[in-house]
Each structure stands twice: as C-alpha cells, then as structure tokens.
C-alpha cells in the first residue's frame, strides 16, 4: 500500500513540481475521509492539485467557480416543472460528483457558502424538503485567496471546522520554477496525469487507516496538545472535540502512508499544523487571526512524554 501511495504522489508531482509534502498532505486528507482547504495567492497551482488528485484516483470530478452572484440552487440543484408529465422534476446541481473543486470559495456570500455545510458533514443535501444522498466517496477541495485580497468573504468558524486540513502551496523552488518556465507552452498539463488508483483502492486505504494503532501514551500526547489550546491565553479559543478527532484521523493515515501499523509522535507532528492552523486564533490578537506560528508554538511547548 505504501508503494501505491508513493506512485500516486510521484504522478501528481509531474504536474505540481517540487511540492511533495503538500501532495502527501492532500492525499492524507482524502484517505482520512475529510475535506481539504487550499489557501494561497492566485496562480500557485491550487486548481492543478485538485485536478491531479481526481485523475490519479479516477474520481468523477466537477469544478464550481464561486462568485458573488452564485446562489445555493446553482450548487445543489433545482426542481423544474415538466408540462408533459404535470409534475416537478429535480435537476441535480454540480455538487453531485465524487470530487468537487469549490474554486475561490471565499468570493461568494455566506449564504451560498453555507450550502456546502450539510454536504460536507453528512454526505447529503436537503433540497425543497427532500434529502438526497451524494455519491460515495464524496470529497470537497475548496480553494480560497487570502482574505486580505479585495472582494473576499472570510469563512466562518463553523465552515472552517468542516475542513479536515488547510494547506498552502507556496512559491516553487528555483529548480521547479525553471522546469515550469521551460514547459510554459504546454497547456492543460493536469490532463497528462495518469490514473494510479481507483475507488476500491481508496476504500481499502480508508479501512486500513482506521486500524492503525494509537498507544495510550500517544493519546495522552494528543490530549495535552488539545488542553494547551484551551488553558492558555495564547489562544483565542481552544480546539473542539471535532478538531481532536481530526488530529487522530490524520495521524493514523499519515502512519499508514509511512508504512507503519502503529502511529508515533512524529506522525502527530507531521499533520498537526495542517489540521489545526485554521481552527486556532491568537488570544493576543484583537482580530483573532490564525497563523503557522500558533501550531509551531503548540508543538514546541507541549512535551511528547
């Protein structure tokens, strides 16, 4: 299984150059059964990563471009009256796919953003009083530009908490950037990604991740991390129980990806920043902003044993 995962990482790395750690975190999120938020400046490869993930697993894929005038019905679907049959027929929206790219999610209004809440948490949507199941597996990759850019609506905590991880792509290193510049004429490079895995592989990996062992000592370490965010004035508010469960799920998956059947502290430390950074706010900041420094401070101040 470790070899199959590495094959997927390498294949995605052919189009997202020099970003192996980000690719591995994205795969960890998918295998963990969570949803992924990618926050970075425009043009960094957020959409490329989403397309490549869908293709490497052979998942049904839809891209929804979020804009200020997008309505919930544009995502979920709507019933239209059919004169011949004399009844309303439901027309599915673009959300009815295994993988959804919610592109620039913070460029739409909170009302439309909230249309994703039930889908991400329950794997279903309620439209016009009827509940409709979404395909399984169902995975949302949302991209957003930094909220400091004009025309953005910050995601509320309730929405952020639905994402298992938040990652950034960042600028490429000089070698990767040179490769990118040399192939600048090749459009749609994401279509060159070859399928390495399938839905059955994903289901198998999720089952295997759930069986990865966590020792009582490791759970104690995770609980100390959670308690630190709740007891210290450094944090505006502490991590929720859902945040703690997210750390455990990601830790198990990361250990599996590393070829281990039992998780170790290094697995917790590898995934913690991506899992908690968007859930934490600085207590000393009047605006309660989040940042990588909070997760690093947490890791440095809490003893492993």
C-alpha atoms as a PDB file:
ATOM      1  CA  UNK A   1       0.000   0.000   0.000  1.00  0.00           C
ATOM      2  CA  UNK A   2       2.865   2.365   0.776  1.00  0.00           C
ATOM      3  CA  UNK A   3       4.207   1.803  -2.745  1.00  0.00           C
ATOM      4  CA  UNK A   4       0.840   2.547  -4.344  1.00  0.00           C
ATOM      5  CA  UNK A   5       0.552   5.775  -2.393  1.00  0.00           C
ATOM      6  CA  UNK A   6       4.073   6.790  -3.409  1.00  0.00           C
ATOM      7  CA  UNK A   7       3.205   6.070  -7.054  1.00  0.00           C
ATOM      8  CA  UNK A   8       0.273   8.482  -6.757  1.00  0.00           C
ATOM      9  CA  UNK A   9       2.475  11.112  -5.106  1.00  0.00           C
ATOM     10  CA  UNK A  10       5.064  10.803  -7.872  1.00  0.00           C
ATOM     11  CA  UNK A  11       2.423  11.025 -10.604  1.00  0.00           C
ATOM     12  CA  UNK A  12       0.916  14.207  -9.167  1.00  0.00           C
ATOM     13  CA  UNK A  13       4.447  15.547  -8.755  1.00  0.00           C
ATOM     14  CA  UNK A  14       4.846  15.541 -12.538  1.00  0.00           C
ATOM     15  CA  UNK A  15       2.432  18.487 -12.771  1.00  0.00           C
ATOM     16  CA  UNK A  16       2.846  20.084  -9.328  1.00  0.00           C
ATOM     17  CA  UNK A  17       6.602  20.390  -9.295  1.00  0.00           C
ATOM     18  CA  UNK A  18       8.623  20.413  -6.076  1.00  0.00           C
ATOM     19  CA  UNK A  19       5.610  20.144  -3.740  1.00  0.00           C
ATOM     20  CA  UNK A  20       5.773  16.577  -2.454  1.00  0.00           C
ATOM     21  CA  UNK A  21       4.844  17.465   1.124  1.00  0.00           C
ATOM     22  CA  UNK A  22       1.735  19.368   0.022  1.00  0.00           C
ATOM     23  CA  UNK A  23       0.742  16.472  -2.226  1.00  0.00           C
ATOM     24  CA  UNK A  24       1.194  13.955   0.597  1.00  0.00           C
ATOM     25  CA  UNK A  25      -0.899  16.090   2.954  1.00  0.00           C
ATOM     26  CA  UNK A  26      -3.649  16.345   0.329  1.00  0.00           C
ATOM     27  CA  UNK A  27      -3.622  12.572  -0.121  1.00  0.00           C
ATOM     28  CA  UNK A  28      -3.654  12.121   3.651  1.00  0.00           C
ATOM     29  CA  UNK A  29      -6.759  14.302   3.849  1.00  0.00           C
ATOM     30  CA  UNK A  30      -8.522  12.342   1.104  1.00  0.00           C
ATOM     31  CA  UNK A  31      -7.677   8.943   2.598  1.00  0.00           C
ATOM     32  CA  UNK A  32      -8.767  10.185   6.046  1.00  0.00           C
ATOM     33  CA  UNK A  33     -12.231  10.902   4.664  1.00  0.00           C
ATOM     34  CA  UNK A  34     -12.006  14.648   5.283  1.00  0.00           C
ATOM     35  CA  UNK A  35     -12.226  17.748   3.129  1.00  0.00           C
ATOM     36  CA  UNK A  36      -9.346  19.987   2.093  1.00  0.00           C
ATOM     37  CA  UNK A  37      -8.991  23.771   2.064  1.00  0.00           C
ATOM     38  CA  UNK A  38      -6.150  25.211  -0.006  1.00  0.00           C
ATOM     39  CA  UNK A  39      -5.350  28.840   0.731  1.00  0.00           C
ATOM     40  CA  UNK A  40      -2.823  30.730  -1.337  1.00  0.00           C
ATOM     41  CA  UNK A  41      -2.357  33.527  -3.822  1.00  0.00           C
ATOM     42  CA  UNK A  42      -3.800  33.134  -7.331  1.00  0.00           C
ATOM     43  CA  UNK A  43      -1.692  31.156  -9.786  1.00  0.00           C
ATOM     44  CA  UNK A  44       0.075  28.915  -7.265  1.00  0.00           C
ATOM     45  CA  UNK A  45      -1.299  25.590  -8.514  1.00  0.00           C
ATOM     46  CA  UNK A  46      -4.354  25.096  -6.292  1.00  0.00           C
ATOM     47  CA  UNK A  47      -6.601  24.058  -9.171  1.00  0.00           C
ATOM     48  CA  UNK A  48      -3.856  21.912 -10.700  1.00  0.00           C
ATOM     49  CA  UNK A  49      -3.569  19.897  -7.480  1.00  0.00           C
ATOM     50  CA  UNK A  50      -7.325  19.322  -7.341  1.00  0.00           C
ATOM     51  CA  UNK A  51      -7.499  18.124 -10.959  1.00  0.00           C
ATOM     52  CA  UNK A  52      -4.486  15.857 -10.462  1.00  0.00           C
ATOM     53  CA  UNK A  53      -5.965  14.245  -7.324  1.00  0.00           C
ATOM     54  CA  UNK A  54      -9.201  13.441  -9.148  1.00  0.00           C
ATOM     55  CA  UNK A  55      -7.387  11.965 -12.126  1.00  0.00           C
ATOM     56  CA  UNK A  56      -4.936   9.864 -10.116  1.00  0.00           C
ATOM     57  CA  UNK A  57      -7.902   8.142  -8.367  1.00  0.00           C
ATOM     58  CA  UNK A  58     -10.227   8.129 -11.389  1.00  0.00           C
ATOM     59  CA  UNK A  59     -12.944  10.034  -9.497  1.00  0.00           C
ATOM     60  CA  UNK A  60     -15.924  11.836 -11.023  1.00  0.00           C
ATOM     61  CA  UNK A  61     -14.990  15.500 -10.860  1.00  0.00           C
ATOM     62  CA  UNK A  62     -16.767  18.824 -11.044  1.00  0.00           C
ATOM     63  CA  UNK A  63     -15.449  22.347 -10.673  1.00  0.00           C
ATOM     64  CA  UNK A  64     -17.688  25.059  -9.272  1.00  0.00           C
ATOM     65  CA  UNK A  65     -16.470  28.620  -9.701  1.00  0.00           C
ATOM     66  CA  UNK A  66     -17.689  30.613  -6.714  1.00  0.00           C
ATOM     67  CA  UNK A  67     -18.654  34.206  -7.487  1.00  0.00           C
ATOM     68  CA  UNK A  68     -20.512  36.943  -5.639  1.00  0.00           C
ATOM     69  CA  UNK A  69     -23.762  36.217  -7.519  1.00  0.00           C
ATOM     70  CA  UNK A  70     -23.724  32.408  -7.102  1.00  0.00           C
ATOM     71  CA  UNK A  71     -26.872  31.034  -5.421  1.00  0.00           C
ATOM     72  CA  UNK A  72     -27.327  27.841  -3.338  1.00  0.00           C
ATOM     73  CA  UNK A  73     -29.557  26.388  -6.076  1.00  0.00           C
ATOM     74  CA  UNK A  74     -26.669  26.780  -8.523  1.00  0.00           C
ATOM     75  CA  UNK A  75     -24.759  24.268  -6.384  1.00  0.00           C
ATOM     76  CA  UNK A  76     -27.427  21.899  -5.086  1.00  0.00           C
ATOM     77  CA  UNK A  77     -29.875  21.805  -7.979  1.00  0.00           C
ATOM     78  CA  UNK A  78     -33.483  22.822  -8.516  1.00  0.00           C
ATOM     79  CA  UNK A  79     -36.869  21.337  -9.383  1.00  0.00           C
ATOM     80  CA  UNK A  80     -38.323  22.404 -12.723  1.00  0.00           C
ATOM     81  CA  UNK A  81     -41.948  21.897 -13.742  1.00  0.00           C
ATOM     82  CA  UNK A  82     -42.435  19.496 -16.642  1.00  0.00           C
ATOM     83  CA  UNK A  83     -45.587  20.371 -18.551  1.00  0.00           C
ATOM     84  CA  UNK A  84     -45.818  16.961 -20.232  1.00  0.00           C
ATOM     85  CA  UNK A  85     -45.782  14.963 -17.012  1.00  0.00           C
ATOM     86  CA  UNK A  86     -47.505  17.656 -14.983  1.00  0.00           C
ATOM     87  CA  UNK A  87     -45.014  17.452 -12.120  1.00  0.00           C
ATOM     88  CA  UNK A  88     -41.747  18.903 -10.903  1.00  0.00           C
ATOM     89  CA  UNK A  89     -38.541  17.054 -11.797  1.00  0.00           C
ATOM     90  CA  UNK A  90     -35.388  17.585  -9.802  1.00  0.00           C
ATOM     91  CA  UNK A  91     -32.285  18.540 -11.784  1.00  0.00           C
ATOM     92  CA  UNK A  92     -29.107  17.763  -9.899  1.00  0.00           C
ATOM     93  CA  UNK A  93     -26.619  20.532  -9.313  1.00  0.00           C
ATOM     94  CA  UNK A  94     -22.875  20.221  -9.881  1.00  0.00           C
ATOM     95  CA  UNK A  95     -22.322  19.033  -6.295  1.00  0.00           C
ATOM     96  CA  UNK A  96     -23.463  15.506  -7.208  1.00  0.00           C
ATOM     97  CA  UNK A  97     -19.978  14.210  -8.011  1.00  0.00           C
ATOM     98  CA  UNK A  98     -17.371  12.230  -6.068  1.00  0.00           C
ATOM     99  CA  UNK A  99     -14.913  15.132  -6.011  1.00  0.00           C
ATOM    100  CA  UNK A 100     -15.855  18.791  -6.023  1.00  0.00           C
ATOM    101  CA  UNK A 101     -13.496  21.689  -6.542  1.00  0.00           C
ATOM    102  CA  UNK A 102     -15.073  24.707  -4.849  1.00  0.00           C
ATOM    103  CA  UNK A 103     -12.874  27.275  -6.529  1.00  0.00           C
ATOM    104  CA  UNK A 104     -12.377  30.600  -4.720  1.00  0.00           C
ATOM    105  CA  UNK A 105     -14.997  29.713  -2.125  1.00  0.00           C
ATOM    106  CA  UNK A 106     -14.493  32.956  -0.227  1.00  0.00           C
ATOM    107  CA  UNK A 107     -15.565  35.057  -3.209  1.00  0.00           C
ATOM    108  CA  UNK A 108     -19.211  34.140  -2.667  1.00  0.00           C
ATOM    109  CA  UNK A 109     -21.641  35.219   0.029  1.00  0.00           C
ATOM    110  CA  UNK A 110     -22.030  33.419   3.378  1.00  0.00           C
ATOM    111  CA  UNK A 111     -25.497  32.178   2.343  1.00  0.00           C
ATOM    112  CA  UNK A 112     -24.039  30.316  -0.615  1.00  0.00           C
ATOM    113  CA  UNK A 113     -21.025  29.123   1.367  1.00  0.00           C
ATOM    114  CA  UNK A 114     -23.389  27.537   3.885  1.00  0.00           C
ATOM    115  CA  UNK A 115     -24.953  25.416   1.125  1.00  0.00           C
ATOM    116  CA  UNK A 116     -21.897  23.174   1.445  1.00  0.00           C
ATOM    117  CA  UNK A 117     -22.215  22.608   5.204  1.00  0.00           C
ATOM    118  CA  UNK A 118     -24.657  19.682   5.182  1.00  0.00           C
ATOM    119  CA  UNK A 119     -22.987  18.130   2.146  1.00  0.00           C
ATOM    120  CA  UNK A 120     -19.546  18.147   3.777  1.00  0.00           C
ATOM    121  CA  UNK A 121     -20.726  16.879   7.149  1.00  0.00           C
ATOM    122  CA  UNK A 122     -23.476  14.407   6.240  1.00  0.00           C
ATOM    123  CA  UNK A 123     -22.777  13.422   2.635  1.00  0.00           C
ATOM    124  CA  UNK A 124     -26.257  14.558   1.679  1.00  0.00           C
ATOM    125  CA  UNK A 125     -28.190  17.689   0.756  1.00  0.00           C
ATOM    126  CA  UNK A 126     -31.718  18.812   1.581  1.00  0.00           C
ATOM    127  CA  UNK A 127     -33.465  20.465  -1.341  1.00  0.00           C
ATOM    128  CA  UNK A 128     -37.089  21.589  -1.212  1.00  0.00           C
ATOM    129  CA  UNK A 129     -37.817  19.438   1.819  1.00  0.00           C
ATOM    130  CA  UNK A 130     -36.280  16.239   0.451  1.00  0.00           C
ATOM    131  CA  UNK A 131     -32.962  14.693   1.459  1.00  0.00           C
ATOM    132  CA  UNK A 132     -30.767  13.442  -1.379  1.00  0.00           C
ATOM    133  CA  UNK A 133     -27.638  11.347  -0.908  1.00  0.00           C
ATOM    134  CA  UNK A 134     -24.390  12.392  -2.548  1.00  0.00           C
ATOM    135  CA  UNK A 135     -22.031   9.945  -4.278  1.00  0.00           C
ATOM    136  CA  UNK A 136     -19.604   7.983  -2.135  1.00  0.00           C
ATOM    137  CA  UNK A 137     -16.803   8.750  -1.651  1.00  0.00           C
ATOM    138  CA  UNK A 138     -17.535  12.484  -1.527  1.00  0.00           C
ATOM    139  CA  UNK A 139     -14.577  14.845  -1.252  1.00  0.00           C
ATOM    140  CA  UNK A 140     -14.523  18.646  -1.359  1.00  0.00           C
ATOM    141  CA  UNK A 141     -11.401  20.596  -2.215  1.00  0.00           C
ATOM    142  CA  UNK A 142     -12.023  24.279  -1.668  1.00  0.00           C
ATOM    143  CA  UNK A 143      -9.582  26.970  -2.703  1.00  0.00           C
ATOM    144  CA  UNK A 144      -9.520  30.466  -1.365  1.00  0.00           C
ATOM    145  CA  UNK A 145      -7.435  33.547  -1.795  1.00  0.00           C
ATOM    146  CA  UNK A 146      -6.095  35.303   1.323  1.00  0.00           C
ATOM    147  CA  UNK A 147      -8.861  37.329   2.948  1.00  0.00           C
ATOM    148  CA  UNK A 148      -6.719  40.454   2.639  1.00  0.00           C
ATOM    149  CA  UNK A 149      -7.487  40.487  -1.088  1.00  0.00           C
ATOM    150  CA  UNK A 150     -10.392  42.612  -2.274  1.00  0.00           C
ATOM    151  CA  UNK A 151     -13.797  41.023  -2.817  1.00  0.00           C
ATOM    152  CA  UNK A 152     -13.495  38.156  -0.334  1.00  0.00           C
ATOM    153  CA  UNK A 153     -15.867  36.925   2.371  1.00  0.00           C
ATOM    154  CA  UNK A 154     -13.991  35.200   5.243  1.00  0.00           C
ATOM    155  CA  UNK A 155     -15.253  31.709   6.020  1.00  0.00           C
ATOM    156  CA  UNK A 156     -16.906  31.481   9.457  1.00  0.00           C
ATOM    157  CA  UNK A 157     -15.541  29.082  12.077  1.00  0.00           C
ATOM    158  CA  UNK A 158     -18.430  26.657  11.509  1.00  0.00           C
ATOM    159  CA  UNK A 159     -17.421  26.320   7.864  1.00  0.00           C
ATOM    160  CA  UNK A 160     -13.686  26.144   8.541  1.00  0.00           C
ATOM    161  CA  UNK A 161     -14.235  23.364  11.059  1.00  0.00           C
ATOM    162  CA  UNK A 162     -15.696  21.160   8.298  1.00  0.00           C
ATOM    163  CA  UNK A 163     -12.299  21.029   6.618  1.00  0.00           C
ATOM    164  CA  UNK A 164     -10.014  18.353   7.994  1.00  0.00           C
ATOM    165  CA  UNK A 165      -6.937  20.196   6.715  1.00  0.00           C
ATOM    166  CA  UNK A 166      -5.844  23.543   5.354  1.00  0.00           C
ATOM    167  CA  UNK A 167      -2.649  23.773   3.337  1.00  0.00           C
ATOM    168  CA  UNK A 168      -0.843  26.320   1.207  1.00  0.00           C
ATOM    169  CA  UNK A 169       1.102  25.654  -1.974  1.00  0.00           C
ATOM    170  CA  UNK A 170       3.719  28.404  -1.831  1.00  0.00           C
ATOM    171  CA  UNK A 171       6.195  29.597  -4.435  1.00  0.00           C
ATOM    172  CA  UNK A 172       8.194  26.893  -6.251  1.00  0.00           C
ATOM    173  CA  UNK A 173      11.894  26.456  -5.568  1.00  0.00           C
ATOM    174  CA  UNK A 174      14.245  27.736  -8.329  1.00  0.00           C
ATOM    175  CA  UNK A 175      14.726  24.303  -9.912  1.00  0.00           C
ATOM    176  CA  UNK A 176      10.992  23.560 -10.077  1.00  0.00           C
ATOM    177  CA  UNK A 177      10.252  27.057 -11.345  1.00  0.00           C
ATOM    178  CA  UNK A 178      12.811  26.640 -14.135  1.00  0.00           C
ATOM    179  CA  UNK A 179      11.122  23.417 -15.221  1.00  0.00           C
ATOM    180  CA  UNK A 180       7.784  25.198 -15.167  1.00  0.00           C
ATOM    181  CA  UNK A 181       9.073  28.061 -17.294  1.00  0.00           C
ATOM    182  CA  UNK A 182      10.620  25.676 -19.809  1.00  0.00           C
ATOM    183  CA  UNK A 183       7.270  23.924 -20.315  1.00  0.00           C
ATOM    184  CA  UNK A 184       5.152  27.077 -20.168  1.00  0.00           C
ATOM    185  CA  UNK A 185       3.741  26.385 -23.633  1.00  0.00           C
ATOM    186  CA  UNK A 186       2.181  23.081 -22.556  1.00  0.00           C
ATOM    187  CA  UNK A 187      -1.403  23.807 -21.601  1.00  0.00           C
ATOM    188  CA  UNK A 188      -3.637  21.530 -19.541  1.00  0.00           C
ATOM    189  CA  UNK A 189      -0.736  19.606 -18.066  1.00  0.00           C
ATOM    190  CA  UNK A 190      -3.165  18.199 -15.496  1.00  0.00           C
ATOM    191  CA  UNK A 191      -4.675  16.039 -18.225  1.00  0.00           C
ATOM    192  CA  UNK A 192      -1.338  14.229 -18.517  1.00  0.00           C
ATOM    193  CA  UNK A 193      -1.779  12.747 -15.032  1.00  0.00           C
ATOM    194  CA  UNK A 194      -2.339   9.001 -15.319  1.00  0.00           C
ATOM    195  CA  UNK A 195      -4.691   7.079 -13.048  1.00  0.00           C
ATOM    196  CA  UNK A 196      -2.722   5.117 -10.453  1.00  0.00           C
ATOM    197  CA  UNK A 197      -5.510   4.121  -8.052  1.00  0.00           C
ATOM    198  CA  UNK A 198      -9.274   3.661  -8.066  1.00  0.00           C
ATOM    199  CA  UNK A 199     -12.263   3.982  -5.758  1.00  0.00           C
ATOM    200  CA  UNK A 200     -11.777   0.469  -4.367  1.00  0.00           C
ATOM    201  CA  UNK A 201      -8.172   1.337  -3.511  1.00  0.00           C
ATOM    202  CA  UNK A 202      -9.391   4.439  -1.686  1.00  0.00           C
ATOM    203  CA  UNK A 203     -11.945   2.433   0.288  1.00  0.00           C
ATOM    204  CA  UNK A 204      -9.288  -0.149   1.164  1.00  0.00           C
ATOM    205  CA  UNK A 205      -6.896   2.569   2.326  1.00  0.00           C
ATOM    206  CA  UNK A 206      -9.551   4.176   4.495  1.00  0.00           C
ATOM    207  CA  UNK A 207     -10.298   0.859   6.171  1.00  0.00           C
ATOM    208  CA  UNK A 208      -6.586   0.210   6.715  1.00  0.00           C
ATOM    209  CA  UNK A 209      -6.046   3.676   8.199  1.00  0.00           C
ATOM    210  CA  UNK A 210      -8.838   3.072  10.709  1.00  0.00           C
ATOM    211  CA  UNK A 211      -6.964   0.040  12.054  1.00  0.00           C
ATOM    212  CA  UNK A 212      -3.665   1.848  12.703  1.00  0.00           C
ATOM    213  CA  UNK A 213      -2.885   1.614  16.405  1.00  0.00           C
ATOM    214  CA  UNK A 214      -2.512   4.545  18.804  1.00  0.00           C
ATOM    215  CA  UNK A 215      -0.893   3.807  22.143  1.00  0.00           C
ATOM    216  CA  UNK A 216      -2.316   5.273  25.369  1.00  0.00           C
ATOM    217  CA  UNK A 217       0.859   7.380  25.637  1.00  0.00           C
ATOM    218  CA  UNK A 218       0.271   8.853  22.179  1.00  0.00           C
ATOM    219  CA  UNK A 219      -3.346   9.640  23.004  1.00  0.00           C
ATOM    220  CA  UNK A 220      -2.097  11.340  26.184  1.00  0.00           C
ATOM    221  CA  UNK A 221       0.174  13.488  23.997  1.00  0.00           C
ATOM    222  CA  UNK A 222      -2.727  14.467  21.737  1.00  0.00           C
ATOM    223  CA  UNK A 223      -4.866  15.325  24.750  1.00  0.00           C
ATOM    224  CA  UNK A 224      -2.113  17.529  26.164  1.00  0.00           C
ATOM    225  CA  UNK A 225      -1.991  19.381  22.842  1.00  0.00           C
ATOM    226  CA  UNK A 226      -5.754  19.922  22.937  1.00  0.00           C
ATOM    227  CA  UNK A 227      -5.700  21.001  26.580  1.00  0.00           C
ATOM    228  CA  UNK A 228      -2.948  23.539  25.907  1.00  0.00           C
ATOM    229  CA  UNK A 229      -5.121  25.385  23.381  1.00  0.00           C
ATOM    230  CA  UNK A 230      -7.969  25.526  25.914  1.00  0.00           C
ATOM    231  CA  UNK A 231      -5.989  26.514  29.005  1.00  0.00           C
ATOM    232  CA  UNK A 232      -3.546  29.047  27.575  1.00  0.00           C
ATOM    233  CA  UNK A 233      -4.259  32.725  26.977  1.00  0.00           C
ATOM    234  CA  UNK A 234      -2.149  32.425  23.820  1.00  0.00           C
ATOM    235  CA  UNK A 235      -5.217  31.057  22.044  1.00  0.00           C
ATOM    236  CA  UNK A 236      -8.472  32.918  21.499  1.00  0.00           C
ATOM    237  CA  UNK A 237     -10.386  29.645  21.919  1.00  0.00           C
ATOM    238  CA  UNK A 238      -9.425  26.017  22.212  1.00  0.00           C
ATOM    239  CA  UNK A 239      -9.658  23.155  19.764  1.00  0.00           C
ATOM    240  CA  UNK A 240     -13.059  21.475  19.680  1.00  0.00           C
ATOM    241  CA  UNK A 241     -13.588  17.717  20.138  1.00  0.00           C
ATOM    242  CA  UNK A 242     -14.076  17.566  16.362  1.00  0.00           C
ATOM    243  CA  UNK A 243     -10.623  19.087  15.981  1.00  0.00           C
ATOM    244  CA  UNK A 244      -9.175  16.418  18.264  1.00  0.00           C
ATOM    245  CA  UNK A 245     -10.824  13.646  16.246  1.00  0.00           C
ATOM    246  CA  UNK A 246      -9.403  15.230  13.089  1.00  0.00           C
ATOM    247  CA  UNK A 247      -5.879  15.055  14.536  1.00  0.00           C
ATOM    248  CA  UNK A 248      -6.355  11.359  15.347  1.00  0.00           C
ATOM    249  CA  UNK A 249      -7.730  10.509  11.885  1.00  0.00           C
ATOM    250  CA  UNK A 250      -4.929  12.336  10.075  1.00  0.00           C
ATOM    251  CA  UNK A 251      -2.293  10.817  12.375  1.00  0.00           C
ATOM    252  CA  UNK A 252      -3.483   7.301  11.614  1.00  0.00           C
ATOM    253  CA  UNK A 253      -3.465   7.949   7.869  1.00  0.00           C
ATOM    254  CA  UNK A 254      -0.006   9.538   7.902  1.00  0.00           C
ATOM    255  CA  UNK A 255       1.378   6.499   9.753  1.00  0.00           C
ATOM    256  CA  UNK A 256      -0.198   4.236   7.129  1.00  0.00           C
ATOM    257  CA  UNK A 257       1.356   6.311   4.337  1.00  0.00           C
ATOM    258  CA  UNK A 258       4.727   5.893   6.048  1.00  0.00           C
ATOM    259  CA  UNK A 259       4.268   2.121   6.126  1.00  0.00           C
ATOM    260  CA  UNK A 260       3.563   1.767   9.858  1.00  0.00           C
ATOM    261  CA  UNK A 261       0.750  -0.065  11.648  1.00  0.00           C
ATOM    262  CA  UNK A 262       1.221   1.985  14.826  1.00  0.00           C
ATOM    263  CA  UNK A 263       1.371   5.773  14.964  1.00  0.00           C
ATOM    264  CA  UNK A 264       4.262   7.604  16.611  1.00  0.00           C
ATOM    265  CA  UNK A 265       4.660  11.205  17.841  1.00  0.00           C
ATOM    266  CA  UNK A 266       6.324  12.193  14.557  1.00  0.00           C
ATOM    267  CA  UNK A 267       3.075  11.337  12.760  1.00  0.00           C
ATOM    268  CA  UNK A 268       1.150  13.723  15.012  1.00  0.00           C
ATOM    269  CA  UNK A 269       3.715  16.454  14.467  1.00  0.00           C
ATOM    270  CA  UNK A 270       3.662  15.961  10.681  1.00  0.00           C
ATOM    271  CA  UNK A 271      -0.086  16.563  10.326  1.00  0.00           C
ATOM    272  CA  UNK A 272      -0.858  18.870  13.259  1.00  0.00           C
ATOM    273  CA  UNK A 273      -0.150  22.228  11.537  1.00  0.00           C
ATOM    274  CA  UNK A 274      -2.371  21.396   8.552  1.00  0.00           C
ATOM    275  CA  UNK A 275      -5.146  20.107  10.834  1.00  0.00           C
ATOM    276  CA  UNK A 276      -5.255  22.850  13.472  1.00  0.00           C
ATOM    277  CA  UNK A 277      -3.948  26.102  11.983  1.00  0.00           C
ATOM    278  CA  UNK A 278      -7.332  27.085  10.531  1.00  0.00           C
ATOM    279  CA  UNK A 279      -9.029  26.159  13.817  1.00  0.00           C
ATOM    280  CA  UNK A 280      -6.843  28.318  16.080  1.00  0.00           C
ATOM    281  CA  UNK A 281      -6.848  32.049  16.728  1.00  0.00           C
ATOM    282  CA  UNK A 282      -4.324  34.085  18.641  1.00  0.00           C
ATOM    283  CA  UNK A 283      -5.549  35.268  22.014  1.00  0.00           C
ATOM    284  CA  UNK A 284      -3.284  38.328  21.935  1.00  0.00           C
ATOM    285  CA  UNK A 285      -4.595  39.462  18.542  1.00  0.00           C
ATOM    286  CA  UNK A 286      -7.682  41.626  18.688  1.00  0.00           C
ATOM    287  CA  UNK A 287      -8.812  40.238  15.342  1.00  0.00           C
ATOM    288  CA  UNK A 288      -8.183  36.662  16.436  1.00  0.00           C
ATOM    289  CA  UNK A 289      -6.171  35.791  13.375  1.00  0.00           C
ATOM    290  CA  UNK A 290      -4.673  32.363  12.748  1.00  0.00           C
ATOM    291  CA  UNK A 291      -1.201  31.550  11.548  1.00  0.00           C
ATOM    292  CA  UNK A 292       1.508  28.908  11.313  1.00  0.00           C
ATOM    293  CA  UNK A 293       3.249  30.305  14.394  1.00  0.00           C
ATOM    294  CA  UNK A 294       0.402  29.079  16.608  1.00  0.00           C
ATOM    295  CA  UNK A 295       0.787  25.434  15.606  1.00  0.00           C
ATOM    296  CA  UNK A 296       4.571  25.598  15.918  1.00  0.00           C
ATOM    297  CA  UNK A 297       4.265  27.175  19.361  1.00  0.00           C
ATOM    298  CA  UNK A 298       1.913  24.403  20.383  1.00  0.00           C
ATOM    299  CA  UNK A 299       4.359  21.719  19.276  1.00  0.00           C
ATOM    300  CA  UNK A 300       7.303  23.396  20.963  1.00  0.00           C
ATOM    301  CA  UNK A 301       5.567  23.969  24.305  1.00  0.00           C
ATOM    302  CA  UNK A 302       3.929  20.558  24.822  1.00  0.00           C
ATOM    303  CA  UNK A 303       6.161  17.647  25.803  1.00  0.00           C
ATOM    304  CA  UNK A 304       5.817  14.357  23.954  1.00  0.00           C
ATOM    305  CA  UNK A 305       6.044  12.290  27.162  1.00  0.00           C
END
